[in-house]
Amino acid sequence: MNVNMDIVYVSIAAIILVMCAIVILFGRGDWLLSGYNTASDEKRAKYNIVRLRAVTGIGLIVLAAEIVILEFVSIFGENGRATILCVTALLLSLLSMTYCKR
């Protein structure tokens, strides 16, 4: 694939992630929070929504920055890039399940 097209695709993905993060951080994107939007009221009461928005929004910005940086830094290879992104997503998931609980 053409290198320039890879940069375009990564940039589009990063822009979408940042836009979703902004919507979530301003409190208008609770419907984007997977699991929270379909939870019952009693399960929602177990989570601090302000913390959950912060963790998710900042996490999306971190992921967007990572995919852009990893596109330009090729020392990790394809498997290394995927591993770094998966570890970040796992850490964000664990953080949302622990730090965001009431």
PDB file of N, CA and C in Angstrom:
ATOM      1  N   MET A   1       0.844  -1.178   0.000  1.00  0.00           N
ATOM      2  CA  MET A   1       0.000   0.000   0.000  1.00  0.00           C
ATOM      3  C   MET A   1       0.887   1.237   0.000  1.00  0.00           C
ATOM      4  N   ASN A   2       0.393   2.257  -0.574  1.00  0.00           N
ATOM      5  CA  ASN A   2       1.111   3.512  -0.658  1.00  0.00           C
ATOM      6  C   ASN A   2       1.279   4.109   0.746  1.00  0.00           C
ATOM      7  N   VAL A   3       2.488   4.558   1.061  1.00  0.00           N
ATOM      8  CA  VAL A   3       2.774   5.097   2.390  1.00  0.00           C
ATOM      9  C   VAL A   3       1.924   6.328   2.676  1.00  0.00           C
ATOM     10  N   ASN A   4       1.710   7.167   1.684  1.00  0.00           N
ATOM     11  CA  ASN A   4       0.918   8.372   1.891  1.00  0.00           C
ATOM     12  C   ASN A   4      -0.522   8.041   2.263  1.00  0.00           C
ATOM     13  N   MET A   5      -1.075   6.989   1.686  1.00  0.00           N
ATOM     14  CA  MET A   5      -2.445   6.598   2.017  1.00  0.00           C
ATOM     15  C   MET A   5      -2.523   6.070   3.446  1.00  0.00           C
ATOM     16  N   ASP A   6      -1.494   5.382   3.908  1.00  0.00           N
ATOM     17  CA  ASP A   6      -1.482   4.923   5.298  1.00  0.00           C
ATOM     18  C   ASP A   6      -1.572   6.098   6.257  1.00  0.00           C
ATOM     19  N   ILE A   7      -0.833   7.155   5.956  1.00  0.00           N
ATOM     20  CA  ILE A   7      -0.859   8.343   6.807  1.00  0.00           C
ATOM     21  C   ILE A   7      -2.249   8.977   6.792  1.00  0.00           C
ATOM     22  N   VAL A   8      -2.890   8.991   5.651  1.00  0.00           N
ATOM     23  CA  VAL A   8      -4.251   9.545   5.551  1.00  0.00           C
ATOM     24  C   VAL A   8      -5.217   8.724   6.386  1.00  0.00           C
ATOM     25  N   TYR A   9      -5.160   7.401   6.277  1.00  0.00           N
ATOM     26  CA  TYR A   9      -6.068   6.540   7.029  1.00  0.00           C
ATOM     27  C   TYR A   9      -5.850   6.678   8.533  1.00  0.00           C
ATOM     28  N   VAL A  10      -4.600   6.718   8.953  1.00  0.00           N
ATOM     29  CA  VAL A  10      -4.292   6.869  10.376  1.00  0.00           C
ATOM     30  C   VAL A  10      -4.755   8.234  10.872  1.00  0.00           C
ATOM     31  N   SER A  11      -4.575   9.255  10.075  1.00  0.00           N
ATOM     32  CA  SER A  11      -5.010  10.599  10.470  1.00  0.00           C
ATOM     33  C   SER A  11      -6.522  10.667  10.612  1.00  0.00           C
ATOM     34  N   ILE A  12      -7.240  10.055   9.707  1.00  0.00           N
ATOM     35  CA  ILE A  12      -8.706  10.033   9.794  1.00  0.00           C
ATOM     36  C   ILE A  12      -9.156   9.299  11.053  1.00  0.00           C
ATOM     37  N   ALA A  13      -8.535   8.163  11.342  1.00  0.00           N
ATOM     38  CA  ALA A  13      -8.885   7.412  12.550  1.00  0.00           C
ATOM     39  C   ALA A  13      -8.586   8.234  13.806  1.00  0.00           C
ATOM     40  N   ALA A  14      -7.451   8.914  13.833  1.00  0.00           N
ATOM     41  CA  ALA A  14      -7.089   9.734  14.988  1.00  0.00           C
ATOM     42  C   ALA A  14      -8.064  10.893  15.161  1.00  0.00           C
ATOM     43  N   ILE A  15      -8.471  11.510  14.073  1.00  0.00           N
ATOM     44  CA  ILE A  15      -9.423  12.627  14.152  1.00  0.00           C
ATOM     45  C   ILE A  15     -10.766  12.146  14.692  1.00  0.00           C
ATOM     46  N   ILE A  16     -11.218  10.981  14.239  1.00  0.00           N
ATOM     47  CA  ILE A  16     -12.483  10.427  14.737  1.00  0.00           C
ATOM     48  C   ILE A  16     -12.392  10.136  16.234  1.00  0.00           C
ATOM     49  N   LEU A  17     -11.268   9.557  16.675  1.00  0.00           N
ATOM     50  CA  LEU A  17     -11.090   9.265  18.101  1.00  0.00           C
ATOM     51  C   LEU A  17     -11.094  10.543  18.938  1.00  0.00           C
ATOM     52  N   VAL A  18     -10.420  11.572  18.465  1.00  0.00           N
ATOM     53  CA  VAL A  18     -10.373  12.840  19.202  1.00  0.00           C
ATOM     54  C   VAL A  18     -11.750  13.496  19.233  1.00  0.00           C
ATOM     55  N   MET A  19     -12.494  13.427  18.142  1.00  0.00           N
ATOM     56  CA  MET A  19     -13.849  13.988  18.125  1.00  0.00           C
ATOM     57  C   MET A  19     -14.759  13.264  19.125  1.00  0.00           C
ATOM     58  N   CYS A  20     -14.655  11.943  19.179  1.00  0.00           N
ATOM     59  CA  CYS A  20     -15.439  11.173  20.156  1.00  0.00           C
ATOM     60  C   CYS A  20     -15.019  11.537  21.580  1.00  0.00           C
ATOM     61  N   ALA A  21     -13.722  11.724  21.795  1.00  0.00           N
ATOM     62  CA  ALA A  21     -13.226  12.101  23.120  1.00  0.00           C
ATOM     63  C   ALA A  21     -13.781  13.449  23.548  1.00  0.00           C
ATOM     64  N   ILE A  22     -13.823  14.397  22.637  1.00  0.00           N
ATOM     65  CA  ILE A  22     -14.349  15.721  22.962  1.00  0.00           C
ATOM     66  C   ILE A  22     -15.827  15.642  23.331  1.00  0.00           C
ATOM     67  N   VAL A  23     -16.580  14.873  22.579  1.00  0.00           N
ATOM     68  CA  VAL A  23     -18.013  14.707  22.872  1.00  0.00           C
ATOM     69  C   VAL A  23     -18.191  14.082  24.256  1.00  0.00           C
ATOM     70  N   ILE A  24     -17.395  13.083  24.573  1.00  0.00           N
ATOM     71  CA  ILE A  24     -17.506  12.410  25.873  1.00  0.00           C
ATOM     72  C   ILE A  24     -17.074  13.341  26.999  1.00  0.00           C
ATOM     73  N   LEU A  25     -15.969  14.052  26.820  1.00  0.00           N
ATOM     74  CA  LEU A  25     -15.462  14.930  27.881  1.00  0.00           C
ATOM     75  C   LEU A  25     -16.416  16.085  28.190  1.00  0.00           C
ATOM     76  N   PHE A  26     -17.189  16.527  27.210  1.00  0.00           N
ATOM     77  CA  PHE A  26     -18.161  17.588  27.449  1.00  0.00           C
ATOM     78  C   PHE A  26     -19.493  17.060  27.975  1.00  0.00           C
ATOM     79  N   GLY A  27     -19.574  15.755  28.242  1.00  0.00           N
ATOM     80  CA  GLY A  27     -20.758  15.186  28.863  1.00  0.00           C
ATOM     81  C   GLY A  27     -21.906  14.910  27.926  1.00  0.00           C
ATOM     82  N   ARG A  28     -21.665  14.950  26.628  1.00  0.00           N
ATOM     83  CA  ARG A  28     -22.729  14.725  25.653  1.00  0.00           C
ATOM     84  C   ARG A  28     -22.651  13.348  24.994  1.00  0.00           C
ATOM     85  N   GLY A  29     -21.705  12.512  25.420  1.00  0.00           N
ATOM     86  CA  GLY A  29     -21.499  11.248  24.731  1.00  0.00           C
ATOM     87  C   GLY A  29     -21.620  10.023  25.602  1.00  0.00           C
ATOM     88  N   ASP A  30     -22.497  10.074  26.594  1.00  0.00           N
ATOM     89  CA  ASP A  30     -22.668   8.894  27.438  1.00  0.00           C
ATOM     90  C   ASP A  30     -23.151   7.691  26.637  1.00  0.00           C
ATOM     91  N   TRP A  31     -23.839   7.935  25.537  1.00  0.00           N
ATOM     92  CA  TRP A  31     -24.296   6.847  24.679  1.00  0.00           C
ATOM     93  C   TRP A  31     -23.129   6.161  23.978  1.00  0.00           C
ATOM     94  N   LEU A  32     -21.941   6.784  23.966  1.00  0.00           N
ATOM     95  CA  LEU A  32     -20.758   6.169  23.374  1.00  0.00           C
ATOM     96  C   LEU A  32     -20.036   5.232  24.338  1.00  0.00           C
ATOM     97  N   LEU A  33     -20.377   5.295  25.605  1.00  0.00           N
ATOM     98  CA  LEU A  33     -19.704   4.483  26.612  1.00  0.00           C
ATOM     99  C   LEU A  33     -20.301   3.076  26.610  1.00  0.00           C
ATOM    100  N   SER A  34     -19.595   2.180  25.985  1.00  0.00           N
ATOM    101  CA  SER A  34     -20.092   0.819  25.828  1.00  0.00           C
ATOM    102  C   SER A  34     -20.287   0.157  27.183  1.00  0.00           C
ATOM    103  N   GLY A  35     -21.413  -0.451  27.360  1.00  0.00           N
ATOM    104  CA  GLY A  35     -21.730  -1.106  28.614  1.00  0.00           C
ATOM    105  C   GLY A  35     -22.492  -0.185  29.545  1.00  0.00           C
ATOM    106  N   TYR A  36     -22.048   1.045  29.644  1.00  0.00           N
ATOM    107  CA  TYR A  36     -22.735   2.007  30.513  1.00  0.00           C
ATOM    108  C   TYR A  36     -24.076   2.398  29.916  1.00  0.00           C
ATOM    109  N   ASN A  37     -24.103   2.574  28.605  1.00  0.00           N
ATOM    110  CA  ASN A  37     -25.340   3.030  27.972  1.00  0.00           C
ATOM    111  C   ASN A  37     -26.442   1.985  27.997  1.00  0.00           C
ATOM    112  N   THR A  38     -26.100   0.722  28.151  1.00  0.00           N
ATOM    113  CA  THR A  38     -27.113  -0.339  28.182  1.00  0.00           C
ATOM    114  C   THR A  38     -27.348  -0.886  29.590  1.00  0.00           C
ATOM    115  N   ALA A  39     -26.625  -0.368  30.567  1.00  0.00           N
ATOM    116  CA  ALA A  39     -26.739  -0.873  31.939  1.00  0.00           C
ATOM    117  C   ALA A  39     -28.032  -0.380  32.584  1.00  0.00           C
ATOM    118  N   SER A  40     -28.472  -1.147  33.550  1.00  0.00           N
ATOM    119  CA  SER A  40     -29.656  -0.740  34.303  1.00  0.00           C
ATOM    120  C   SER A  40     -29.280   0.431  35.220  1.00  0.00           C
ATOM    121  N   ASP A  41     -30.292   1.085  35.756  1.00  0.00           N
ATOM    122  CA  ASP A  41     -30.043   2.236  36.627  1.00  0.00           C
ATOM    123  C   ASP A  41     -29.265   1.849  37.879  1.00  0.00           C
ATOM    124  N   GLU A  42     -29.518   0.671  38.406  1.00  0.00           N
ATOM    125  CA  GLU A  42     -28.797   0.249  39.616  1.00  0.00           C
ATOM    126  C   GLU A  42     -27.327  -0.058  39.312  1.00  0.00           C
ATOM    127  N   LYS A  43     -27.021  -0.544  38.113  1.00  0.00           N
ATOM    128  CA  LYS A  43     -25.618  -0.768  37.741  1.00  0.00           C
ATOM    129  C   LYS A  43     -24.922   0.555  37.416  1.00  0.00           C
ATOM    130  N   ARG A  44     -25.666   1.483  36.826  1.00  0.00           N
ATOM    131  CA  ARG A  44     -25.091   2.800  36.546  1.00  0.00           C
ATOM    132  C   ARG A  44     -24.740   3.533  37.833  1.00  0.00           C
ATOM    133  N   ALA A  45     -25.513   3.292  38.872  1.00  0.00           N
ATOM    134  CA  ALA A  45     -25.276   3.957  40.154  1.00  0.00           C
ATOM    135  C   ALA A  45     -23.960   3.512  40.784  1.00  0.00           C
ATOM    136  N   LYS A  46     -23.416   2.392  40.350  1.00  0.00           N
ATOM    137  CA  LYS A  46     -22.154   1.891  40.896  1.00  0.00           C
ATOM    138  C   LYS A  46     -20.935   2.628  40.350  1.00  0.00           C
ATOM    139  N   TYR A  47     -21.114   3.429  39.290  1.00  0.00           N
ATOM    140  CA  TYR A  47     -20.005   4.111  38.639  1.00  0.00           C
ATOM    141  C   TYR A  47     -20.105   5.618  38.813  1.00  0.00           C
ATOM    142  N   ASN A  48     -18.957   6.246  38.965  1.00  0.00           N
ATOM    143  CA  ASN A  48     -18.861   7.696  38.989  1.00  0.00           C
ATOM    144  C   ASN A  48     -18.742   8.149  37.538  1.00  0.00           C
ATOM    145  N   ILE A  49     -19.802   8.728  37.004  1.00  0.00           N
ATOM    146  CA  ILE A  49     -19.855   9.052  35.578  1.00  0.00           C
ATOM    147  C   ILE A  49     -18.831  10.117  35.199  1.00  0.00           C
ATOM    148  N   VAL A  50     -18.521  11.035  36.100  1.00  0.00           N
ATOM    149  CA  VAL A  50     -17.534  12.075  35.798  1.00  0.00           C
ATOM    150  C   VAL A  50     -16.154  11.446  35.594  1.00  0.00           C
ATOM    151  N   ARG A  51     -15.796  10.515  36.471  1.00  0.00           N
ATOM    152  CA  ARG A  51     -14.517   9.820  36.325  1.00  0.00           C
ATOM    153  C   ARG A  51     -14.510   8.952  35.071  1.00  0.00           C
ATOM    154  N   LEU A  52     -15.623   8.291  34.812  1.00  0.00           N
ATOM    155  CA  LEU A  52     -15.709   7.421  33.635  1.00  0.00           C
ATOM    156  C   LEU A  52     -15.562   8.227  32.347  1.00  0.00           C
ATOM    157  N   ARG A  53     -16.189   9.389  32.301  1.00  0.00           N
ATOM    158  CA  ARG A  53     -16.019  10.260  31.136  1.00  0.00           C
ATOM    159  C   ARG A  53     -14.568  10.700  30.982  1.00  0.00           C
ATOM    160  N   ALA A  54     -13.934  11.065  32.099  1.00  0.00           N
ATOM    161  CA  ALA A  54     -12.542  11.527  32.045  1.00  0.00           C
ATOM    162  C   ALA A  54     -11.610  10.413  31.581  1.00  0.00           C
ATOM    163  N   VAL A  55     -11.760   9.235  32.148  1.00  0.00           N
ATOM    164  CA  VAL A  55     -10.899   8.112  31.768  1.00  0.00           C
ATOM    165  C   VAL A  55     -11.092   7.754  30.300  1.00  0.00           C
ATOM    166  N   THR A  56     -12.331   7.700  29.865  1.00  0.00           N
ATOM    167  CA  THR A  56     -12.611   7.333  28.478  1.00  0.00           C
ATOM    168  C   THR A  56     -12.150   8.414  27.509  1.00  0.00           C
ATOM    169  N   GLY A  57     -12.454   9.656  27.798  1.00  0.00           N
ATOM    170  CA  GLY A  57     -12.066  10.747  26.910  1.00  0.00           C
ATOM    171  C   GLY A  57     -10.558  10.903  26.791  1.00  0.00           C
ATOM    172  N   ILE A  58      -9.877  10.915  27.928  1.00  0.00           N
ATOM    173  CA  ILE A  58      -8.412  11.034  27.902  1.00  0.00           C
ATOM    174  C   ILE A  58      -7.800   9.793  27.274  1.00  0.00           C
ATOM    175  N   GLY A  59      -8.384   8.638  27.547  1.00  0.00           N
ATOM    176  CA  GLY A  59      -7.892   7.401  26.941  1.00  0.00           C
ATOM    177  C   GLY A  59      -7.996   7.406  25.426  1.00  0.00           C
ATOM    178  N   LEU A  60      -9.080   7.932  24.899  1.00  0.00           N
ATOM    179  CA  LEU A  60      -9.225   8.025  23.446  1.00  0.00           C
ATOM    180  C   LEU A  60      -8.194   8.976  22.842  1.00  0.00           C
ATOM    181  N   ILE A  61      -7.911  10.054  23.541  1.00  0.00           N
ATOM    182  CA  ILE A  61      -6.882  10.987  23.057  1.00  0.00           C
ATOM    183  C   ILE A  61      -5.506  10.326  23.083  1.00  0.00           C
ATOM    184  N   VAL A  62      -5.230   9.564  24.132  1.00  0.00           N
ATOM    185  CA  VAL A  62      -3.947   8.838  24.216  1.00  0.00           C
ATOM    186  C   VAL A  62      -3.836   7.819  23.082  1.00  0.00           C
ATOM    187  N   LEU A  63      -4.903   7.086  22.830  1.00  0.00           N
ATOM    188  CA  LEU A  63      -4.889   6.110  21.734  1.00  0.00           C
ATOM    189  C   LEU A  63      -4.702   6.786  20.378  1.00  0.00           C
ATOM    190  N   ALA A  64      -5.348   7.936  20.183  1.00  0.00           N
ATOM    191  CA  ALA A  64      -5.187   8.668  18.924  1.00  0.00           C
ATOM    192  C   ALA A  64      -3.736   9.106  18.750  1.00  0.00           C
ATOM    193  N   ALA A  65      -3.135   9.620  19.818  1.00  0.00           N
ATOM    194  CA  ALA A  65      -1.732  10.037  19.748  1.00  0.00           C
ATOM    195  C   ALA A  65      -0.824   8.845  19.481  1.00  0.00           C
ATOM    196  N   GLU A  66      -1.121   7.727  20.121  1.00  0.00           N
ATOM    197  CA  GLU A  66      -0.303   6.525  19.905  1.00  0.00           C
ATOM    198  C   GLU A  66      -0.351   6.042  18.470  1.00  0.00           C
ATOM    199  N   ILE A  67      -1.521   6.006  17.866  1.00  0.00           N
ATOM    200  CA  ILE A  67      -1.573   5.484  16.496  1.00  0.00           C
ATOM    201  C   ILE A  67      -0.859   6.413  15.524  1.00  0.00           C
ATOM    202  N   VAL A  68      -0.917   7.717  15.782  1.00  0.00           N
ATOM    203  CA  VAL A  68      -0.198   8.651  14.913  1.00  0.00           C
ATOM    204  C   VAL A  68       1.309   8.499  15.108  1.00  0.00           C
ATOM    205  N   ILE A  69       1.748   8.457  16.358  1.00  0.00           N
ATOM    206  CA  ILE A  69       3.183   8.321  16.640  1.00  0.00           C
ATOM    207  C   ILE A  69       3.713   6.994  16.122  1.00  0.00           C
ATOM    208  N   LEU A  70       2.985   5.921  16.363  1.00  0.00           N
ATOM    209  CA  LEU A  70       3.455   4.604  15.936  1.00  0.00           C
ATOM    210  C   LEU A  70       3.475   4.459  14.418  1.00  0.00           C
ATOM    211  N   GLU A  71       2.692   5.266  13.716  1.00  0.00           N
ATOM    212  CA  GLU A  71       2.736   5.233  12.262  1.00  0.00           C
ATOM    213  C   GLU A  71       4.065   5.786  11.750  1.00  0.00           C
ATOM    214  N   PHE A  72       4.603   6.765  12.459  1.00  0.00           N
ATOM    215  CA  PHE A  72       5.851   7.384  12.021  1.00  0.00           C
ATOM    216  C   PHE A  72       7.088   6.705  12.597  1.00  0.00           C
ATOM    217  N   VAL A  73       6.948   6.032  13.723  1.00  0.00           N
ATOM    218  CA  VAL A  73       8.070   5.318  14.343  1.00  0.00           C
ATOM    219  C   VAL A  73       7.929   3.851  13.973  1.00  0.00           C
ATOM    220  N   SER A  74       8.815   3.359  13.153  1.00  0.00           N
ATOM    221  CA  SER A  74       8.659   1.993  12.642  1.00  0.00           C
ATOM    222  C   SER A  74       9.591   0.992  13.308  1.00  0.00           C
ATOM    223  N   ILE A  75      10.115   1.310  14.490  1.00  0.00           N
ATOM    224  CA  ILE A  75      11.053   0.391  15.131  1.00  0.00           C
ATOM    225  C   ILE A  75      10.363  -0.802  15.781  1.00  0.00           C
ATOM    226  N   PHE A  76       9.046  -0.701  16.006  1.00  0.00           N
ATOM    227  CA  PHE A  76       8.338  -1.770  16.694  1.00  0.00           C
ATOM    228  C   PHE A  76       7.814  -2.842  15.758  1.00  0.00           C
ATOM    229  N   GLY A  77       7.615  -2.543  14.501  1.00  0.00           N
ATOM    230  CA  GLY A  77       7.033  -3.496  13.574  1.00  0.00           C
ATOM    231  C   GLY A  77       5.532  -3.585  13.768  1.00  0.00           C
ATOM    232  N   GLU A  78       4.890  -4.358  12.915  1.00  0.00           N
ATOM    233  CA  GLU A  78       3.423  -4.482  12.977  1.00  0.00           C
ATOM    234  C   GLU A  78       2.952  -5.112  14.285  1.00  0.00           C
ATOM    235  N   ASN A  79       3.606  -6.199  14.698  1.00  0.00           N
ATOM    236  CA  ASN A  79       3.181  -6.868  15.928  1.00  0.00           C
ATOM    237  C   ASN A  79       3.431  -6.006  17.153  1.00  0.00           C
ATOM    238  N   GLY A  80       4.512  -5.264  17.155  1.00  0.00           N
ATOM    239  CA  GLY A  80       4.813  -4.385  18.278  1.00  0.00           C
ATOM    240  C   GLY A  80       3.797  -3.267  18.412  1.00  0.00           C
ATOM    241  N   ARG A  81       3.398  -2.693  17.286  1.00  0.00           N
ATOM    242  CA  ARG A  81       2.389  -1.631  17.311  1.00  0.00           C
ATOM    243  C   ARG A  81       1.062  -2.146  17.843  1.00  0.00           C
ATOM    244  N   ALA A  82       0.653  -3.295  17.352  1.00  0.00           N
ATOM    245  CA  ALA A  82      -0.616  -3.877  17.808  1.00  0.00           C
ATOM    246  C   ALA A  82      -0.551  -4.193  19.300  1.00  0.00           C
ATOM    247  N   THR A  83       0.584  -4.687  19.760  1.00  0.00           N
ATOM    248  CA  THR A  83       0.740  -5.012  21.176  1.00  0.00           C
ATOM    249  C   THR A  83       0.645  -3.765  22.037  1.00  0.00           C
ATOM    250  N   ILE A  84       1.299  -2.692  21.632  1.00  0.00           N
ATOM    251  CA  ILE A  84       1.270  -1.447  22.393  1.00  0.00           C
ATOM    252  C   ILE A  84      -0.161  -0.907  22.481  1.00  0.00           C
ATOM    253  N   LEU A  85      -0.881  -0.912  21.379  1.00  0.00           N
ATOM    254  CA  LEU A  85      -2.259  -0.418  21.380  1.00  0.00           C
ATOM    255  C   LEU A  85      -3.171  -1.303  22.229  1.00  0.00           C
ATOM    256  N   CYS A  86      -2.977  -2.611  22.171  1.00  0.00           N
ATOM    257  CA  CYS A  86      -3.796  -3.529  22.972  1.00  0.00           C
ATOM    258  C   CYS A  86      -3.524  -3.370  24.459  1.00  0.00           C
ATOM    259  N   VAL A  87      -2.266  -3.186  24.824  1.00  0.00           N
ATOM    260  CA  VAL A  87      -1.919  -2.984  26.240  1.00  0.00           C
ATOM    261  C   VAL A  87      -2.532  -1.686  26.747  1.00  0.00           C
ATOM    262  N   THR A  88      -2.482  -0.632  25.945  1.00  0.00           N
ATOM    263  CA  THR A  88      -3.094   0.637  26.344  1.00  0.00           C
ATOM    264  C   THR A  88      -4.602   0.476  26.520  1.00  0.00           C
ATOM    265  N   ALA A  89      -5.249  -0.189  25.601  1.00  0.00           N
ATOM    266  CA  ALA A  89      -6.696  -0.414  25.707  1.00  0.00           C
ATOM    267  C   ALA A  89      -7.028  -1.255  26.939  1.00  0.00           C
ATOM    268  N   LEU A  90      -6.215  -2.251  27.232  1.00  0.00           N
ATOM    269  CA  LEU A  90      -6.423  -3.087  28.422  1.00  0.00           C
ATOM    270  C   LEU A  90      -6.270  -2.260  29.694  1.00  0.00           C
ATOM    271  N   LEU A  91      -5.248  -1.419  29.756  1.00  0.00           N
ATOM    272  CA  LEU A  91      -5.048  -0.576  30.933  1.00  0.00           C
ATOM    273  C   LEU A  91      -6.208   0.400  31.122  1.00  0.00           C
ATOM    274  N   LEU A  92      -6.714   0.952  30.032  1.00  0.00           N
ATOM    275  CA  LEU A  92      -7.865   1.850  30.130  1.00  0.00           C
ATOM    276  C   LEU A  92      -9.107   1.110  30.615  1.00  0.00           C
ATOM    277  N   SER A  93      -9.277  -0.105  30.159  1.00  0.00           N
ATOM    278  CA  SER A  93     -10.416  -0.912  30.595  1.00  0.00           C
ATOM    279  C   SER A  93     -10.318  -1.220  32.095  1.00  0.00           C
ATOM    280  N   LEU A  94      -9.128  -1.603  32.535  1.00  0.00           N
ATOM    281  CA  LEU A  94      -8.933  -1.887  33.971  1.00  0.00           C
ATOM    282  C   LEU A  94      -9.126  -0.630  34.803  1.00  0.00           C
ATOM    283  N   LEU A  95      -8.645   0.489  34.312  1.00  0.00           N
ATOM    284  CA  LEU A  95      -8.807   1.744  35.026  1.00  0.00           C
ATOM    285  C   LEU A  95     -10.274   2.129  35.147  1.00  0.00           C
ATOM    286  N   SER A  96     -11.030   1.912  34.088  1.00  0.00           N
ATOM    287  CA  SER A  96     -12.462   2.255  34.147  1.00  0.00           C
ATOM    288  C   SER A  96     -13.226   1.318  35.065  1.00  0.00           C
ATOM    289  N   MET A  97     -12.759   0.096  35.245  1.00  0.00           N
ATOM    290  CA  MET A  97     -13.458  -0.849  36.123  1.00  0.00           C
ATOM    291  C   MET A  97     -13.066  -0.666  37.594  1.00  0.00           C
ATOM    292  N   THR A  98     -11.948   0.015  37.866  1.00  0.00           N
ATOM    293  CA  THR A  98     -11.515   0.182  39.243  1.00  0.00           C
ATOM    294  C   THR A  98     -11.649   1.628  39.712  1.00  0.00           C
ATOM    295  N   TYR A  99     -10.996   2.541  39.052  1.00  0.00           N
ATOM    296  CA  TYR A  99     -10.975   3.954  39.462  1.00  0.00           C
ATOM    297  C   TYR A  99     -12.352   4.601  39.358  1.00  0.00           C
ATOM    298  N   CYS A 100     -13.148   4.159  38.425  1.00  0.00           N
ATOM    299  CA  CYS A 100     -14.438   4.799  38.173  1.00  0.00           C
ATOM    300  C   CYS A 100     -15.572   4.234  39.023  1.00  0.00           C
ATOM    301  N   LYS A 101     -15.301   3.220  39.808  1.00  0.00           N
ATOM    302  CA  LYS A 101     -16.340   2.673  40.708  1.00  0.00           C
ATOM    303  C   LYS A 101     -16.533   3.597  41.892  1.00  0.00           C
ATOM    304  N   ARG A 102     -17.742   3.616  42.410  1.00  0.00           N
ATOM    305  CA  ARG A 102     -18.045   4.446  43.595  1.00  0.00           C
ATOM    306  C   ARG A 102     -17.624   3.751  44.840  1.00  0.00           C
TER     307      ARG A 102
END
